[in-house]
Amino acid sequence: MTSNRIAYTGFVAFVSVVLTLVVVNLVQGNPEPTAGGTAENANGESVFRLDDVAEHNHAGSCWKVIDGVVYDLTEYLPNHPTEEEVFTRWCGKEATSAWLDKGNGRPHSPRAAARLEDYRIGVLESGAPAPAPAETADSATQPATGDDRLGRMLLGLAPGNYLDGTYRGNFIDRGLIQVSLQFRLEGGRIKGMSYRHLFYRDEDYLKMDSSAELYPVLRQYQQITERLEGEPMEAIFRLYEPENVVDDIDGYTGATLRGAKVISAFRDGLNRGVYSW
């Protein structure tokens, strides 16, 4: 009897050890959410379900999922250059499509991507739904602003199609040229845009050193040329919403005003006609 009891006790102990090891292995391989609705992955990052993210769907607590990463962008909201509702419509959602197309088919800039990492709080659990297709129209066939304002402005231009060739135009204020630019039209698309003159008061931006206080202004002018390259002529009207064209817009640099100056210079060139073939 004693030997049987010892054998039975040993068997029970063995089974208990095996079950303990199985449970431990399952817990380590499939972490259960904590009270906060998260677990940690092998890298020590919090893992969220899409349901967790969906609870943070307003300006007071705005989480977004971009490429499988979860960001808490609540604190950034006041600094975003668009209207609040443009930003908050993606709160609590998978927002990769909005990140890849902020308007006019253009993704956010590398600088914005670097800033985004400051708000990273974790990753989405595997098996979450794939990003929804972008709900944006082809910028080559639809107005970038989403309303008919672009069409109304186009009616103010000279009628008909503009000939291919090189154009030059100026923006003049109080008798002084502030913006002078040159561009080519090839098949109705802007090519080789460059500035011949960029001046405001005593500042000659084209001679400005990168250490100058107003150098960011020149950089935004340069971004305009980069973003308009190869675009259809009507893309110049995107400059009325400069957050879709240049980065880091704020009241100090005044990108909205400069966008209007560039549009005026473009229209002046178009109205003058082809400068050279």
C-alpha atoms as a PDB file:
ATOM      1  CA  MET A   1       0.000   0.000   0.000  1.00  0.00           C
ATOM      2  CA  THR A   2       2.820   2.372   0.900  1.00  0.00           C
ATOM      3  CA  SER A   3       4.568   1.851  -2.419  1.00  0.00           C
ATOM      4  CA  ASN A   4       1.320   2.384  -4.326  1.00  0.00           C
ATOM      5  CA  ARG A   5       0.644   5.596  -2.439  1.00  0.00           C
ATOM      6  CA  ILE A   6       4.144   6.868  -3.211  1.00  0.00           C
ATOM      7  CA  ALA A   7       3.739   6.005  -6.874  1.00  0.00           C
ATOM      8  CA  TYR A   8       0.365   7.755  -7.009  1.00  0.00           C
ATOM      9  CA  THR A   9       1.745  10.854  -5.331  1.00  0.00           C
ATOM     10  CA  GLY A  10       4.662  10.940  -7.766  1.00  0.00           C
ATOM     11  CA  PHE A  11       2.311  10.601 -10.729  1.00  0.00           C
ATOM     12  CA  VAL A  12       0.141  13.482  -9.520  1.00  0.00           C
ATOM     13  CA  ALA A  13       3.233  15.649  -9.009  1.00  0.00           C
ATOM     14  CA  PHE A  14       4.487  14.803 -12.508  1.00  0.00           C
ATOM     15  CA  VAL A  15       1.156  15.680 -14.099  1.00  0.00           C
ATOM     16  CA  SER A  16       1.053  18.970 -12.173  1.00  0.00           C
ATOM     17  CA  VAL A  17       4.519  19.942 -13.429  1.00  0.00           C
ATOM     18  CA  VAL A  18       3.584  19.117 -17.035  1.00  0.00           C
ATOM     19  CA  LEU A  19       0.364  21.128 -16.855  1.00  0.00           C
ATOM     20  CA  THR A  20       2.221  24.055 -15.305  1.00  0.00           C
ATOM     21  CA  LEU A  21       4.780  24.051 -18.121  1.00  0.00           C
ATOM     22  CA  VAL A  22       2.011  23.922 -20.743  1.00  0.00           C
ATOM     23  CA  VAL A  23       0.175  26.864 -19.192  1.00  0.00           C
ATOM     24  CA  VAL A  24       3.373  28.904 -18.911  1.00  0.00           C
ATOM     25  CA  ASN A  25       4.215  28.205 -22.547  1.00  0.00           C
ATOM     26  CA  LEU A  26       0.756  29.273 -23.686  1.00  0.00           C
ATOM     27  CA  VAL A  27       0.922  32.504 -21.705  1.00  0.00           C
ATOM     28  CA  GLN A  28       4.340  33.400 -23.078  1.00  0.00           C
ATOM     29  CA  GLY A  29       3.376  32.634 -26.663  1.00  0.00           C
ATOM     30  CA  ASN A  30      -0.017  34.370 -26.528  1.00  0.00           C
ATOM     31  CA  PRO A  31       0.033  37.225 -24.037  1.00  0.00           C
ATOM     32  CA  GLU A  32      -3.344  38.106 -22.610  1.00  0.00           C
ATOM     33  CA  PRO A  33      -4.412  41.746 -22.520  1.00  0.00           C
ATOM     34  CA  THR A  34      -3.927  43.483 -19.211  1.00  0.00           C
ATOM     35  CA  ALA A  35      -6.576  45.557 -17.492  1.00  0.00           C
ATOM     36  CA  GLY A  36      -5.658  48.414 -19.821  1.00  0.00           C
ATOM     37  CA  GLY A  37      -6.516  46.323 -22.840  1.00  0.00           C
ATOM     38  CA  THR A  38      -2.902  45.781 -23.905  1.00  0.00           C
ATOM     39  CA  ALA A  39      -0.119  43.246 -23.766  1.00  0.00           C
ATOM     40  CA  GLU A  40       3.558  43.522 -24.595  1.00  0.00           C
ATOM     41  CA  ASN A  41       5.324  41.980 -27.558  1.00  0.00           C
ATOM     42  CA  ALA A  42       8.873  40.610 -27.650  1.00  0.00           C
ATOM     43  CA  ASN A  43      10.209  44.149 -28.110  1.00  0.00           C
ATOM     44  CA  GLY A  44       8.475  45.404 -24.991  1.00  0.00           C
ATOM     45  CA  GLU A  45       5.949  47.479 -26.955  1.00  0.00           C
ATOM     46  CA  SER A  46       2.307  47.648 -25.982  1.00  0.00           C
ATOM     47  CA  VAL A  47       0.002  45.634 -28.234  1.00  0.00           C
ATOM     48  CA  PHE A  48      -3.468  47.050 -28.849  1.00  0.00           C
ATOM     49  CA  ARG A  49      -6.599  45.680 -30.440  1.00  0.00           C
ATOM     50  CA  LEU A  50      -8.456  47.791 -32.981  1.00  0.00           C
ATOM     51  CA  ASP A  51     -11.308  47.930 -30.450  1.00  0.00           C
ATOM     52  CA  ASP A  52      -8.922  49.576 -27.971  1.00  0.00           C
ATOM     53  CA  VAL A  53      -7.999  52.224 -30.527  1.00  0.00           C
ATOM     54  CA  ALA A  54     -11.651  52.842 -31.419  1.00  0.00           C
ATOM     55  CA  GLU A  55     -12.317  54.113 -27.885  1.00  0.00           C
ATOM     56  CA  HIS A  56     -10.011  57.091 -28.547  1.00  0.00           C
ATOM     57  CA  ASN A  57     -12.006  58.692 -31.343  1.00  0.00           C
ATOM     58  CA  HIS A  58     -12.273  62.366 -30.439  1.00  0.00           C
ATOM     59  CA  ALA A  59     -10.183  65.501 -30.006  1.00  0.00           C
ATOM     60  CA  GLY A  60      -9.759  64.891 -26.282  1.00  0.00           C
ATOM     61  CA  SER A  61      -8.139  61.506 -26.913  1.00  0.00           C
ATOM     62  CA  CYS A  62      -7.116  60.823 -30.492  1.00  0.00           C
ATOM     63  CA  TRP A  63      -5.356  57.561 -31.372  1.00  0.00           C
ATOM     64  CA  LYS A  64      -4.641  56.476 -34.926  1.00  0.00           C
ATOM     65  CA  VAL A  65      -3.205  53.344 -36.531  1.00  0.00           C
ATOM     66  CA  ILE A  66      -0.712  53.872 -39.345  1.00  0.00           C
ATOM     67  CA  ASP A  67       1.021  50.879 -40.952  1.00  0.00           C
ATOM     68  CA  GLY A  68       0.277  48.710 -37.949  1.00  0.00           C
ATOM     69  CA  VAL A  69       1.641  51.203 -35.408  1.00  0.00           C
ATOM     70  CA  VAL A  70      -0.569  52.957 -32.849  1.00  0.00           C
ATOM     71  CA  TYR A  71      -0.034  56.675 -32.225  1.00  0.00           C
ATOM     72  CA  ASP A  72      -1.570  58.924 -29.578  1.00  0.00           C
ATOM     73  CA  LEU A  73      -1.810  62.230 -31.447  1.00  0.00           C
ATOM     74  CA  THR A  74      -3.925  64.104 -28.921  1.00  0.00           C
ATOM     75  CA  GLU A  75      -1.194  66.575 -27.985  1.00  0.00           C
ATOM     76  CA  TYR A  76      -0.276  67.221 -31.618  1.00  0.00           C
ATOM     77  CA  LEU A  77      -3.805  68.162 -32.682  1.00  0.00           C
ATOM     78  CA  PRO A  78      -3.485  71.913 -31.861  1.00  0.00           C
ATOM     79  CA  ASN A  79      -0.350  72.100 -34.026  1.00  0.00           C
ATOM     80  CA  HIS A  80      -1.804  70.447 -37.122  1.00  0.00           C
ATOM     81  CA  PRO A  81      -2.141  72.927 -40.032  1.00  0.00           C
ATOM     82  CA  THR A  82      -5.605  71.818 -41.201  1.00  0.00           C
ATOM     83  CA  GLU A  83      -9.019  72.397 -39.682  1.00  0.00           C
ATOM     84  CA  GLU A  84      -9.668  70.262 -36.594  1.00  0.00           C
ATOM     85  CA  GLU A  85     -12.360  68.156 -38.259  1.00  0.00           C
ATOM     86  CA  VAL A  86      -9.916  67.114 -41.010  1.00  0.00           C
ATOM     87  CA  PHE A  87      -7.640  65.699 -38.330  1.00  0.00           C
ATOM     88  CA  THR A  88     -10.243  64.203 -36.010  1.00  0.00           C
ATOM     89  CA  ARG A  89     -12.193  62.325 -38.680  1.00  0.00           C
ATOM     90  CA  TRP A  90      -9.470  59.631 -38.463  1.00  0.00           C
ATOM     91  CA  CYS A  91      -9.298  59.460 -34.659  1.00  0.00           C
ATOM     92  CA  GLY A  92      -9.890  55.931 -33.383  1.00  0.00           C
ATOM     93  CA  LYS A  93      -9.405  54.439 -36.839  1.00  0.00           C
ATOM     94  CA  GLU A  94      -6.966  52.743 -39.181  1.00  0.00           C
ATOM     95  CA  ALA A  95      -5.565  55.864 -40.857  1.00  0.00           C
ATOM     96  CA  THR A  96      -2.849  54.574 -43.195  1.00  0.00           C
ATOM     97  CA  SER A  97      -4.722  55.721 -46.295  1.00  0.00           C
ATOM     98  CA  ALA A  98      -4.981  59.279 -44.939  1.00  0.00           C
ATOM     99  CA  TRP A  99      -1.280  59.260 -44.087  1.00  0.00           C
ATOM    100  CA  LEU A 100      -0.312  58.138 -47.588  1.00  0.00           C
ATOM    101  CA  ASP A 101      -2.594  60.703 -49.226  1.00  0.00           C
ATOM    102  CA  LYS A 102      -2.944  63.937 -47.286  1.00  0.00           C
ATOM    103  CA  GLY A 103      -4.561  65.537 -50.325  1.00  0.00           C
ATOM    104  CA  ASN A 104      -3.809  65.734 -54.038  1.00  0.00           C
ATOM    105  CA  GLY A 105      -2.394  62.202 -53.925  1.00  0.00           C
ATOM    106  CA  ARG A 106       0.660  63.266 -51.905  1.00  0.00           C
ATOM    107  CA  PRO A 107       1.981  61.454 -48.829  1.00  0.00           C
ATOM    108  CA  HIS A 108       3.193  63.232 -45.731  1.00  0.00           C
ATOM    109  CA  SER A 109       6.802  64.377 -45.830  1.00  0.00           C
ATOM    110  CA  PRO A 110       9.822  62.561 -44.302  1.00  0.00           C
ATOM    111  CA  ARG A 111       9.977  65.355 -41.733  1.00  0.00           C
ATOM    112  CA  ALA A 112       6.396  64.652 -40.721  1.00  0.00           C
ATOM    113  CA  ALA A 113       7.196  60.926 -40.498  1.00  0.00           C
ATOM    114  CA  ALA A 114      10.087  61.639 -38.128  1.00  0.00           C
ATOM    115  CA  ARG A 115       7.829  63.813 -35.971  1.00  0.00           C
ATOM    116  CA  LEU A 116       5.149  61.111 -35.947  1.00  0.00           C
ATOM    117  CA  GLU A 117       7.449  58.733 -34.071  1.00  0.00           C
ATOM    118  CA  ASP A 118       7.331  61.035 -31.039  1.00  0.00           C
ATOM    119  CA  TYR A 119       3.711  59.962 -30.547  1.00  0.00           C
ATOM    120  CA  ARG A 120       4.154  56.194 -30.935  1.00  0.00           C
ATOM    121  CA  ILE A 121       2.594  54.235 -28.086  1.00  0.00           C
ATOM    122  CA  GLY A 122       2.526  50.671 -29.408  1.00  0.00           C
ATOM    123  CA  VAL A 123       1.540  48.357 -32.239  1.00  0.00           C
ATOM    124  CA  LEU A 124      -1.665  46.778 -33.469  1.00  0.00           C
ATOM    125  CA  GLU A 125      -2.140  43.096 -32.738  1.00  0.00           C
ATOM    126  CA  SER A 126      -1.622  40.750 -35.683  1.00  0.00           C
ATOM    127  CA  GLY A 127      -4.624  39.773 -37.681  1.00  0.00           C
ATOM    128  CA  ALA A 128      -6.209  43.208 -37.496  1.00  0.00           C
ATOM    129  CA  PRO A 129      -8.222  44.341 -40.535  1.00  0.00           C
ATOM    130  CA  ALA A 130      -6.182  45.637 -43.450  1.00  0.00           C
ATOM    131  CA  PRO A 131      -6.195  49.380 -44.143  1.00  0.00           C
ATOM    132  CA  ALA A 132      -9.256  50.568 -46.004  1.00  0.00           C
ATOM    133  CA  PRO A 133      -8.699  51.947 -49.528  1.00  0.00           C
ATOM    134  CA  ALA A 134      -8.094  55.666 -49.692  1.00  0.00           C
ATOM    135  CA  GLU A 135     -11.334  57.576 -50.182  1.00  0.00           C
ATOM    136  CA  THR A 136      -9.778  60.135 -52.473  1.00  0.00           C
ATOM    137  CA  ALA A 137     -10.305  60.860 -56.130  1.00  0.00           C
ATOM    138  CA  ASP A 138      -7.601  60.838 -58.755  1.00  0.00           C
ATOM    139  CA  SER A 139      -6.013  64.269 -58.530  1.00  0.00           C
ATOM    140  CA  ALA A 140      -5.528  64.322 -62.285  1.00  0.00           C
ATOM    141  CA  THR A 141      -9.274  64.242 -62.885  1.00  0.00           C
ATOM    142  CA  GLN A 142     -10.850  65.806 -59.769  1.00  0.00           C
ATOM    143  CA  PRO A 143     -10.351  69.172 -58.047  1.00  0.00           C
ATOM    144  CA  ALA A 144      -7.918  68.858 -55.183  1.00  0.00           C
ATOM    145  CA  THR A 145     -10.049  70.923 -52.831  1.00  0.00           C
ATOM    146  CA  GLY A 146     -13.100  68.670 -53.053  1.00  0.00           C
ATOM    147  CA  ASP A 147     -15.405  71.540 -54.081  1.00  0.00           C
ATOM    148  CA  ASP A 148     -16.013  73.619 -57.211  1.00  0.00           C
ATOM    149  CA  ARG A 149     -13.748  76.479 -56.193  1.00  0.00           C
ATOM    150  CA  LEU A 150     -10.981  75.274 -58.504  1.00  0.00           C
ATOM    151  CA  GLY A 151     -13.360  75.298 -61.474  1.00  0.00           C
ATOM    152  CA  ARG A 152     -14.511  78.817 -60.692  1.00  0.00           C
ATOM    153  CA  MET A 153     -10.943  80.059 -60.523  1.00  0.00           C
ATOM    154  CA  LEU A 154     -10.038  78.344 -63.770  1.00  0.00           C
ATOM    155  CA  LEU A 155     -12.829  80.263 -65.493  1.00  0.00           C
ATOM    156  CA  GLY A 156     -10.924  83.432 -64.620  1.00  0.00           C
ATOM    157  CA  LEU A 157      -8.010  82.398 -66.804  1.00  0.00           C
ATOM    158  CA  ALA A 158      -7.798  83.102 -70.492  1.00  0.00           C
ATOM    159  CA  PRO A 159     -10.028  80.641 -72.390  1.00  0.00           C
ATOM    160  CA  GLY A 160      -8.742  77.684 -74.337  1.00  0.00           C
ATOM    161  CA  ASN A 161      -5.735  75.444 -73.944  1.00  0.00           C
ATOM    162  CA  TYR A 162      -2.312  76.951 -73.387  1.00  0.00           C
ATOM    163  CA  LEU A 163       0.388  76.156 -75.910  1.00  0.00           C
ATOM    164  CA  ASP A 164       3.439  74.148 -74.999  1.00  0.00           C
ATOM    165  CA  GLY A 165       6.457  76.353 -74.467  1.00  0.00           C
ATOM    166  CA  THR A 166       8.335  78.425 -71.894  1.00  0.00           C
ATOM    167  CA  TYR A 167       6.513  81.089 -69.893  1.00  0.00           C
ATOM    168  CA  ARG A 168       7.697  83.882 -67.623  1.00  0.00           C
ATOM    169  CA  GLY A 169       5.545  85.743 -65.122  1.00  0.00           C
ATOM    170  CA  ASN A 170       5.856  88.210 -62.249  1.00  0.00           C
ATOM    171  CA  PHE A 171       4.110  89.217 -59.080  1.00  0.00           C
ATOM    172  CA  ILE A 172       4.529  92.974 -58.586  1.00  0.00           C
ATOM    173  CA  ASP A 173       3.464  94.901 -55.511  1.00  0.00           C
ATOM    174  CA  ARG A 174       3.756  98.705 -55.262  1.00  0.00           C
ATOM    175  CA  GLY A 175       5.927  98.788 -58.330  1.00  0.00           C
ATOM    176  CA  LEU A 176       8.417  96.216 -57.017  1.00  0.00           C
ATOM    177  CA  ILE A 177       8.840  92.680 -58.342  1.00  0.00           C
ATOM    178  CA  GLN A 178       8.600  90.225 -55.459  1.00  0.00           C
ATOM    179  CA  VAL A 179       8.280  86.975 -57.394  1.00  0.00           C
ATOM    180  CA  SER A 180       9.492  86.298 -60.919  1.00  0.00           C
ATOM    181  CA  LEU A 181       9.365  82.738 -62.195  1.00  0.00           C
ATOM    182  CA  GLN A 182       9.849  80.692 -65.334  1.00  0.00           C
ATOM    183  CA  PHE A 183       8.251  77.387 -66.277  1.00  0.00           C
ATOM    184  CA  ARG A 184       7.498  75.221 -69.272  1.00  0.00           C
ATOM    185  CA  LEU A 185       4.240  73.624 -70.299  1.00  0.00           C
ATOM    186  CA  GLU A 186       4.532  70.198 -71.891  1.00  0.00           C
ATOM    187  CA  GLY A 187       1.232  68.544 -72.680  1.00  0.00           C
ATOM    188  CA  GLY A 188      -0.462  70.867 -70.219  1.00  0.00           C
ATOM    189  CA  ARG A 189       1.906  69.892 -67.380  1.00  0.00           C
ATOM    190  CA  ILE A 190       4.350  72.103 -65.491  1.00  0.00           C
ATOM    191  CA  LYS A 191       8.026  71.390 -66.089  1.00  0.00           C
ATOM    192  CA  GLY A 192      11.270  73.017 -64.976  1.00  0.00           C
ATOM    193  CA  MET A 193       9.763  75.688 -62.760  1.00  0.00           C
ATOM    194  CA  SER A 194      12.397  78.035 -61.333  1.00  0.00           C
ATOM    195  CA  TYR A 195      12.589  81.440 -59.697  1.00  0.00           C
ATOM    196  CA  ARG A 196      14.309  84.306 -61.457  1.00  0.00           C
ATOM    197  CA  HIS A 197      13.640  86.739 -58.610  1.00  0.00           C
ATOM    198  CA  LEU A 198      12.471  86.330 -54.998  1.00  0.00           C
ATOM    199  CA  PHE A 199      12.512  89.520 -53.047  1.00  0.00           C
ATOM    200  CA  TYR A 200      10.617  91.006 -50.135  1.00  0.00           C
ATOM    201  CA  ARG A 201      11.586  94.355 -48.654  1.00  0.00           C
ATOM    202  CA  ASP A 202      15.356  94.091 -48.168  1.00  0.00           C
ATOM    203  CA  GLU A 203      15.520  90.302 -48.339  1.00  0.00           C
ATOM    204  CA  ASP A 204      16.837  88.620 -51.496  1.00  0.00           C
ATOM    205  CA  TYR A 205      15.889  85.022 -50.854  1.00  0.00           C
ATOM    206  CA  LEU A 206      17.913  83.641 -53.745  1.00  0.00           C
ATOM    207  CA  LYS A 207      21.102  84.894 -52.082  1.00  0.00           C
ATOM    208  CA  MET A 208      20.123  83.731 -48.613  1.00  0.00           C
ATOM    209  CA  ASP A 209      22.411  81.449 -46.617  1.00  0.00           C
ATOM    210  CA  SER A 210      20.969  78.376 -44.873  1.00  0.00           C
ATOM    211  CA  SER A 211      21.841  79.923 -41.508  1.00  0.00           C
ATOM    212  CA  ALA A 212      19.650  82.980 -42.147  1.00  0.00           C
ATOM    213  CA  GLU A 213      16.598  83.466 -39.949  1.00  0.00           C
ATOM    214  CA  LEU A 214      14.233  83.518 -42.934  1.00  0.00           C
ATOM    215  CA  TYR A 215      15.813  80.558 -44.732  1.00  0.00           C
ATOM    216  CA  PRO A 216      12.677  78.438 -44.036  1.00  0.00           C
ATOM    217  CA  VAL A 217      10.795  80.850 -46.286  1.00  0.00           C
ATOM    218  CA  LEU A 218      13.149  80.079 -49.175  1.00  0.00           C
ATOM    219  CA  ARG A 219      12.833  76.367 -48.433  1.00  0.00           C
ATOM    220  CA  GLN A 220       9.061  76.565 -48.752  1.00  0.00           C
ATOM    221  CA  TYR A 221       9.403  78.389 -52.060  1.00  0.00           C
ATOM    222  CA  GLN A 222      11.651  75.527 -53.168  1.00  0.00           C
ATOM    223  CA  GLN A 223       9.100  72.976 -52.020  1.00  0.00           C
ATOM    224  CA  ILE A 224       6.532  74.630 -54.258  1.00  0.00           C
ATOM    225  CA  THR A 225       8.734  74.003 -57.306  1.00  0.00           C
ATOM    226  CA  GLU A 226       9.333  70.391 -56.238  1.00  0.00           C
ATOM    227  CA  ARG A 227       5.660  69.617 -55.660  1.00  0.00           C
ATOM    228  CA  LEU A 228       4.427  71.247 -58.888  1.00  0.00           C
ATOM    229  CA  GLU A 229       6.925  69.486 -61.147  1.00  0.00           C
ATOM    230  CA  GLY A 230       5.051  67.336 -63.666  1.00  0.00           C
ATOM    231  CA  GLU A 231       1.632  68.371 -62.342  1.00  0.00           C
ATOM    232  CA  PRO A 232      -1.216  69.639 -64.562  1.00  0.00           C
ATOM    233  CA  MET A 233      -1.463  73.405 -64.851  1.00  0.00           C
ATOM    234  CA  GLU A 234      -4.493  73.640 -62.568  1.00  0.00           C
ATOM    235  CA  ALA A 235      -2.356  72.300 -59.707  1.00  0.00           C
ATOM    236  CA  ILE A 236      -1.191  75.873 -59.056  1.00  0.00           C
ATOM    237  CA  PHE A 237      -4.501  76.472 -57.287  1.00  0.00           C
ATOM    238  CA  ARG A 238      -3.498  73.988 -54.590  1.00  0.00           C
ATOM    239  CA  LEU A 239      -1.368  76.837 -53.259  1.00  0.00           C
ATOM    240  CA  TYR A 240      -4.529  78.363 -51.843  1.00  0.00           C
ATOM    241  CA  GLU A 241      -4.375  75.446 -49.392  1.00  0.00           C
ATOM    242  CA  PRO A 242      -0.612  75.436 -48.781  1.00  0.00           C
ATOM    243  CA  GLU A 243      -0.716  72.653 -46.171  1.00  0.00           C
ATOM    244  CA  ASN A 244      -1.191  70.298 -49.148  1.00  0.00           C
ATOM    245  CA  VAL A 245       1.951  71.584 -50.858  1.00  0.00           C
ATOM    246  CA  VAL A 246       4.570  72.759 -48.361  1.00  0.00           C
ATOM    247  CA  ASP A 247       5.687  71.562 -44.935  1.00  0.00           C
ATOM    248  CA  ASP A 248       5.788  73.287 -41.560  1.00  0.00           C
ATOM    249  CA  ILE A 249       3.308  76.055 -42.242  1.00  0.00           C
ATOM    250  CA  ASP A 250       2.859  78.571 -39.466  1.00  0.00           C
ATOM    251  CA  GLY A 251       1.977  82.200 -38.974  1.00  0.00           C
ATOM    252  CA  TYR A 252       5.572  83.317 -38.901  1.00  0.00           C
ATOM    253  CA  THR A 253       6.575  82.058 -42.336  1.00  0.00           C
ATOM    254  CA  GLY A 254       3.303  83.077 -43.991  1.00  0.00           C
ATOM    255  CA  ALA A 255       3.069  80.294 -46.557  1.00  0.00           C
ATOM    256  CA  THR A 256      -0.503  81.214 -47.510  1.00  0.00           C
ATOM    257  CA  LEU A 257       0.513  84.686 -48.653  1.00  0.00           C
ATOM    258  CA  ARG A 258       3.465  83.374 -50.638  1.00  0.00           C
ATOM    259  CA  GLY A 259       1.260  80.805 -52.320  1.00  0.00           C
ATOM    260  CA  ALA A 260      -0.967  83.607 -53.593  1.00  0.00           C
ATOM    261  CA  LYS A 261       2.080  85.444 -54.927  1.00  0.00           C
ATOM    262  CA  VAL A 262       3.222  82.385 -56.869  1.00  0.00           C
ATOM    263  CA  ILE A 263      -0.269  81.876 -58.303  1.00  0.00           C
ATOM    264  CA  SER A 264      -0.307  85.514 -59.463  1.00  0.00           C
ATOM    265  CA  ALA A 265       3.074  85.093 -61.125  1.00  0.00           C
ATOM    266  CA  PHE A 266       1.859  81.950 -62.903  1.00  0.00           C
ATOM    267  CA  ARG A 267      -1.251  83.675 -64.159  1.00  0.00           C
ATOM    268  CA  ASP A 268       0.775  86.649 -65.331  1.00  0.00           C
ATOM    269  CA  GLY A 269       2.985  84.320 -67.361  1.00  0.00           C
ATOM    270  CA  LEU A 270       0.017  82.521 -68.878  1.00  0.00           C
ATOM    271  CA  ASN A 271      -1.656  85.788 -69.813  1.00  0.00           C
ATOM    272  CA  ARG A 272       1.535  87.065 -71.441  1.00  0.00           C
ATOM    273  CA  GLY A 273       1.732  83.953 -73.594  1.00  0.00           C
ATOM    274  CA  VAL A 274       4.668  81.807 -74.643  1.00  0.00           C
ATOM    275  CA  TYR A 275       8.008  83.501 -73.987  1.00  0.00           C
ATOM    276  CA  SER A 276      10.004  81.038 -76.079  1.00  0.00           C
ATOM    277  CA  TRP A 277       9.388  77.753 -77.849  1.00  0.00           C
END
